[in-house]
């Protein structure tokens, strides 16, 4: 199971990208988590200020 970023909630603030230990998060208008790289650690969800990141 991987984490996913809700594009309707993501503000592209950058908080999550610095927390990902495996660099699974890509920048853009909204950020995206690569499910093949995600290790399900939850570090990104813990720091998301708008709670846009949830387990898939």
PDB file of N, CA and C in Angstrom:
ATOM      1  N   UNK A   1       0.851  -1.187   0.000  1.00  0.00           N
ATOM      2  CA  UNK A   1       0.000   0.000   0.000  1.00  0.00           C
ATOM      3  C   UNK A   1       0.894   1.246   0.000  1.00  0.00           C
ATOM      4  N   UNK A   2       0.532   2.193  -0.804  1.00  0.00           N
ATOM      5  CA  UNK A   2       1.298   3.442  -0.895  1.00  0.00           C
ATOM      6  C   UNK A   2       0.418   4.602  -0.453  1.00  0.00           C
ATOM      7  N   UNK A   3       1.052   5.723  -0.247  1.00  0.00           N
ATOM      8  CA  UNK A   3       0.315   6.945   0.073  1.00  0.00           C
ATOM      9  C   UNK A   3      -0.021   7.681  -1.216  1.00  0.00           C
ATOM     10  N   UNK A   4      -1.073   8.485  -1.170  1.00  0.00           N
ATOM     11  CA  UNK A   4      -1.500   9.252  -2.332  1.00  0.00           C
ATOM     12  C   UNK A   4      -1.826  10.675  -1.895  1.00  0.00           C
ATOM     13  N   UNK A   5      -1.529  11.629  -2.768  1.00  0.00           N
ATOM     14  CA  UNK A   5      -1.816  13.035  -2.496  1.00  0.00           C
ATOM     15  C   UNK A   5      -3.119  13.411  -3.193  1.00  0.00           C
ATOM     16  N   UNK A   6      -4.048  13.971  -2.437  1.00  0.00           N
ATOM     17  CA  UNK A   6      -5.319  14.429  -2.996  1.00  0.00           C
ATOM     18  C   UNK A   6      -5.064  15.731  -3.766  1.00  0.00           C
ATOM     19  N   UNK A   7      -5.235  15.707  -5.096  1.00  0.00           N
ATOM     20  CA  UNK A   7      -4.927  16.904  -5.890  1.00  0.00           C
ATOM     21  C   UNK A   7      -5.844  18.085  -5.590  1.00  0.00           C
ATOM     22  N   UNK A   8      -7.018  17.817  -5.045  1.00  0.00           N
ATOM     23  CA  UNK A   8      -7.934  18.909  -4.701  1.00  0.00           C
ATOM     24  C   UNK A   8      -7.512  19.635  -3.430  1.00  0.00           C
ATOM     25  N   UNK A   9      -6.696  18.985  -2.608  1.00  0.00           N
ATOM     26  CA  UNK A   9      -6.266  19.574  -1.344  1.00  0.00           C
ATOM     27  C   UNK A   9      -4.821  20.079  -1.371  1.00  0.00           C
ATOM     28  N   UNK A  10      -3.987  19.480  -2.213  1.00  0.00           N
ATOM     29  CA  UNK A  10      -2.562  19.817  -2.248  1.00  0.00           C
ATOM     30  C   UNK A  10      -2.341  21.275  -2.658  1.00  0.00           C
ATOM     31  N   UNK A  11      -1.516  21.967  -1.876  1.00  0.00           N
ATOM     32  CA  UNK A  11      -1.177  23.358  -2.178  1.00  0.00           C
ATOM     33  C   UNK A  11       0.249  23.491  -2.717  1.00  0.00           C
ATOM     34  N   UNK A  12       0.918  22.365  -2.965  1.00  0.00           N
ATOM     35  CA  UNK A  12       2.291  22.335  -3.479  1.00  0.00           C
ATOM     36  C   UNK A  12       3.228  23.169  -2.601  1.00  0.00           C
ATOM     37  N   UNK A  13       3.067  23.040  -1.290  1.00  0.00           N
ATOM     38  CA  UNK A  13       3.870  23.841  -0.356  1.00  0.00           C
ATOM     39  C   UNK A  13       5.308  23.340  -0.221  1.00  0.00           C
ATOM     40  N   UNK A  14       5.535  22.055  -0.518  1.00  0.00           N
ATOM     41  CA  UNK A  14       6.881  21.506  -0.451  1.00  0.00           C
ATOM     42  C   UNK A  14       7.242  20.812   0.845  1.00  0.00           C
ATOM     43  N   UNK A  15       6.360  20.830   1.818  1.00  0.00           N
ATOM     44  CA  UNK A  15       6.670  20.204   3.107  1.00  0.00           C
ATOM     45  C   UNK A  15       6.967  18.716   2.969  1.00  0.00           C
ATOM     46  N   UNK A  16       6.183  18.033   2.163  1.00  0.00           N
ATOM     47  CA  UNK A  16       6.307  16.572   2.059  1.00  0.00           C
ATOM     48  C   UNK A  16       7.568  16.134   1.319  1.00  0.00           C
ATOM     49  N   UNK A  17       7.955  16.884   0.310  1.00  0.00           N
ATOM     50  CA  UNK A  17       9.058  16.447  -0.545  1.00  0.00           C
ATOM     51  C   UNK A  17      10.369  16.333   0.229  1.00  0.00           C
ATOM     52  N   UNK A  18      10.573  17.187   1.213  1.00  0.00           N
ATOM     53  CA  UNK A  18      11.790  17.129   2.023  1.00  0.00           C
ATOM     54  C   UNK A  18      11.774  15.974   3.021  1.00  0.00           C
ATOM     55  N   UNK A  19      10.594  15.468   3.333  1.00  0.00           N
ATOM     56  CA  UNK A  19      10.479  14.391   4.317  1.00  0.00           C
ATOM     57  C   UNK A  19      10.603  12.998   3.722  1.00  0.00           C
ATOM     58  N   UNK A  20      10.404  12.861   2.421  1.00  0.00           N
ATOM     59  CA  UNK A  20      10.402  11.533   1.797  1.00  0.00           C
ATOM     60  C   UNK A  20      11.819  10.959   1.735  1.00  0.00           C
ATOM     61  N   UNK A  21      12.056   9.829   2.423  1.00  0.00           N
ATOM     62  CA  UNK A  21      13.408   9.249   2.450  1.00  0.00           C
ATOM     63  C   UNK A  21      13.803   8.551   1.150  1.00  0.00           C
ATOM     64  N   UNK A  22      12.827   8.276   0.270  1.00  0.00           N
ATOM     65  CA  UNK A  22      13.135   7.559  -0.967  1.00  0.00           C
ATOM     66  C   UNK A  22      12.863   8.402  -2.219  1.00  0.00           C
ATOM     67  N   UNK A  23      12.642   9.707  -2.030  1.00  0.00           N
ATOM     68  CA  UNK A  23      12.414  10.636  -3.138  1.00  0.00           C
ATOM     69  C   UNK A  23      11.304  10.163  -4.077  1.00  0.00           C
ATOM     70  N   UNK A  24      10.176   9.723  -3.500  1.00  0.00           N
ATOM     71  CA  UNK A  24       9.054   9.214  -4.282  1.00  0.00           C
ATOM     72  C   UNK A  24       8.077  10.310  -4.692  1.00  0.00           C
ATOM     73  N   UNK A  25       8.304  11.548  -4.243  1.00  0.00           N
ATOM     74  CA  UNK A  25       7.363  12.633  -4.497  1.00  0.00           C
ATOM     75  C   UNK A  25       7.896  13.554  -5.596  1.00  0.00           C
ATOM     76  N   UNK A  26       7.044  13.803  -6.598  1.00  0.00           N
ATOM     77  CA  UNK A  26       7.403  14.670  -7.715  1.00  0.00           C
ATOM     78  C   UNK A  26       6.713  16.023  -7.567  1.00  0.00           C
ATOM     79  N   UNK A  27       7.441  17.087  -7.899  1.00  0.00           N
ATOM     80  CA  UNK A  27       6.896  18.440  -7.842  1.00  0.00           C
ATOM     81  C   UNK A  27       6.059  18.732  -9.081  1.00  0.00           C
ATOM     82  N   UNK A  28       5.156  19.696  -8.932  1.00  0.00           N
ATOM     83  CA  UNK A  28       4.322  20.149 -10.037  1.00  0.00           C
ATOM     84  C   UNK A  28       3.291  21.111  -9.491  1.00  0.00           C
ATOM     85  N   UNK A  29       2.235  21.349 -10.254  1.00  0.00           N
ATOM     86  CA  UNK A  29       1.150  22.196  -9.766  1.00  0.00           C
ATOM     87  C   UNK A  29       0.593  21.615  -8.474  1.00  0.00           C
ATOM     88  N   UNK A  30       0.469  20.295  -8.456  1.00  0.00           N
ATOM     89  CA  UNK A  30       0.217  19.542  -7.225  1.00  0.00           C
ATOM     90  C   UNK A  30       1.270  18.446  -7.215  1.00  0.00           C
ATOM     91  N   UNK A  31       1.602  17.961  -6.041  1.00  0.00           N
ATOM     92  CA  UNK A  31       2.643  16.946  -5.955  1.00  0.00           C
ATOM     93  C   UNK A  31       2.043  15.555  -6.153  1.00  0.00           C
ATOM     94  N   UNK A  32       2.881  14.623  -6.610  1.00  0.00           N
ATOM     95  CA  UNK A  32       2.444  13.261  -6.891  1.00  0.00           C
ATOM     96  C   UNK A  32       3.428  12.290  -6.257  1.00  0.00           C
ATOM     97  N   UNK A  33       2.898  11.220  -5.667  1.00  0.00           N
ATOM     98  CA  UNK A  33       3.732  10.176  -5.065  1.00  0.00           C
ATOM     99  C   UNK A  33       3.779   8.983  -6.011  1.00  0.00           C
ATOM    100  N   UNK A  34       4.977   8.541  -6.348  1.00  0.00           N
ATOM    101  CA  UNK A  34       5.159   7.354  -7.192  1.00  0.00           C
ATOM    102  C   UNK A  34       4.907   6.119  -6.330  1.00  0.00           C
ATOM    103  N   UNK A  35       3.838   5.362  -6.620  1.00  0.00           N
ATOM    104  CA  UNK A  35       3.510   4.197  -5.780  1.00  0.00           C
ATOM    105  C   UNK A  35       4.560   3.092  -5.824  1.00  0.00           C
ATOM    106  N   UNK A  36       5.351   3.056  -6.900  1.00  0.00           N
ATOM    107  CA  UNK A  36       6.399   2.040  -7.004  1.00  0.00           C
ATOM    108  C   UNK A  36       7.597   2.356  -6.111  1.00  0.00           C
ATOM    109  N   UNK A  37       7.788   3.638  -5.781  1.00  0.00           N
ATOM    110  CA  UNK A  37       8.902   4.033  -4.921  1.00  0.00           C
ATOM    111  C   UNK A  37       8.494   4.191  -3.458  1.00  0.00           C
ATOM    112  N   UNK A  38       7.226   4.503  -3.220  1.00  0.00           N
ATOM    113  CA  UNK A  38       6.736   4.761  -1.862  1.00  0.00           C
ATOM    114  C   UNK A  38       6.904   3.530  -0.971  1.00  0.00           C
ATOM    115  N   UNK A  39       7.466   3.737   0.215  1.00  0.00           N
ATOM    116  CA  UNK A  39       7.679   2.639   1.162  1.00  0.00           C
ATOM    117  C   UNK A  39       6.637   2.628   2.272  1.00  0.00           C
ATOM    118  N   UNK A  40       5.613   3.482   2.157  1.00  0.00           N
ATOM    119  CA  UNK A  40       4.501   3.516   3.113  1.00  0.00           C
ATOM    120  C   UNK A  40       4.958   3.922   4.515  1.00  0.00           C
ATOM    121  N   UNK A  41       5.963   4.805   4.597  1.00  0.00           N
ATOM    122  CA  UNK A  41       6.473   5.204   5.909  1.00  0.00           C
ATOM    123  C   UNK A  41       5.576   6.251   6.587  1.00  0.00           C
ATOM    124  N   UNK A  42       4.848   7.036   5.776  1.00  0.00           N
ATOM    125  CA  UNK A  42       3.930   8.025   6.330  1.00  0.00           C
ATOM    126  C   UNK A  42       4.552   9.344   6.742  1.00  0.00           C
ATOM    127  N   UNK A  43       5.838   9.521   6.506  1.00  0.00           N
ATOM    128  CA  UNK A  43       6.507  10.767   6.901  1.00  0.00           C
ATOM    129  C   UNK A  43       5.886  11.973   6.198  1.00  0.00           C
ATOM    130  N   UNK A  44       5.515  11.802   4.949  1.00  0.00           N
ATOM    131  CA  UNK A  44       4.924  12.902   4.186  1.00  0.00           C
ATOM    132  C   UNK A  44       3.568  13.313   4.766  1.00  0.00           C
ATOM    133  N   UNK A  45       2.768  12.332   5.111  1.00  0.00           N
ATOM    134  CA  UNK A  45       1.436  12.614   5.672  1.00  0.00           C
ATOM    135  C   UNK A  45       1.552  13.326   7.013  1.00  0.00           C
ATOM    136  N   UNK A  46       2.560  12.973   7.783  1.00  0.00           N
ATOM    137  CA  UNK A  46       2.747  13.575   9.108  1.00  0.00           C
ATOM    138  C   UNK A  46       3.029  15.076   9.027  1.00  0.00           C
ATOM    139  N   UNK A  47       3.671  15.530   7.948  1.00  0.00           N
ATOM    140  CA  UNK A  47       4.047  16.942   7.850  1.00  0.00           C
ATOM    141  C   UNK A  47       3.129  17.775   6.956  1.00  0.00           C
ATOM    142  N   UNK A  48       2.172  17.151   6.287  1.00  0.00           N
ATOM    143  CA  UNK A  48       1.297  17.887   5.372  1.00  0.00           C
ATOM    144  C   UNK A  48       0.369  18.817   6.155  1.00  0.00           C
ATOM    145  N   UNK A  49       0.494  20.139   5.930  1.00  0.00           N
ATOM    146  CA  UNK A  49      -0.300  21.103   6.707  1.00  0.00           C
ATOM    147  C   UNK A  49      -1.784  21.120   6.355  1.00  0.00           C
ATOM    148  N   UNK A  50      -2.143  20.567   5.182  1.00  0.00           N
ATOM    149  CA  UNK A  50      -3.557  20.570   4.778  1.00  0.00           C
ATOM    150  C   UNK A  50      -4.162  19.167   4.771  1.00  0.00           C
ATOM    151  N   UNK A  51      -3.414  18.194   5.296  1.00  0.00           N
ATOM    152  CA  UNK A  51      -3.864  16.795   5.400  1.00  0.00           C
ATOM    153  C   UNK A  51      -4.327  16.251   4.047  1.00  0.00           C
ATOM    154  N   UNK A  52      -3.520  16.517   2.999  1.00  0.00           N
ATOM    155  CA  UNK A  52      -3.856  16.070   1.653  1.00  0.00           C
ATOM    156  C   UNK A  52      -3.309  14.687   1.334  1.00  0.00           C
ATOM    157  N   UNK A  53      -2.532  14.094   2.252  1.00  0.00           N
ATOM    158  CA  UNK A  53      -1.877  12.820   1.965  1.00  0.00           C
ATOM    159  C   UNK A  53      -2.463  11.718   2.849  1.00  0.00           C
ATOM    160  N   UNK A  54      -2.906  10.637   2.171  1.00  0.00           N
ATOM    161  CA  UNK A  54      -3.550   9.524   2.867  1.00  0.00           C
ATOM    162  C   UNK A  54      -3.105   8.200   2.264  1.00  0.00           C
ATOM    163  N   UNK A  55      -3.182   7.111   3.054  1.00  0.00           N
ATOM    164  CA  UNK A  55      -2.881   5.787   2.487  1.00  0.00           C
ATOM    165  C   UNK A  55      -3.884   5.459   1.387  1.00  0.00           C
ATOM    166  N   UNK A  56      -3.396   4.780   0.357  1.00  0.00           N
ATOM    167  CA  UNK A  56      -4.266   4.413  -0.755  1.00  0.00           C
ATOM    168  C   UNK A  56      -5.036   3.169  -0.422  1.00  0.00           C
TER     169      UNK A  56
END
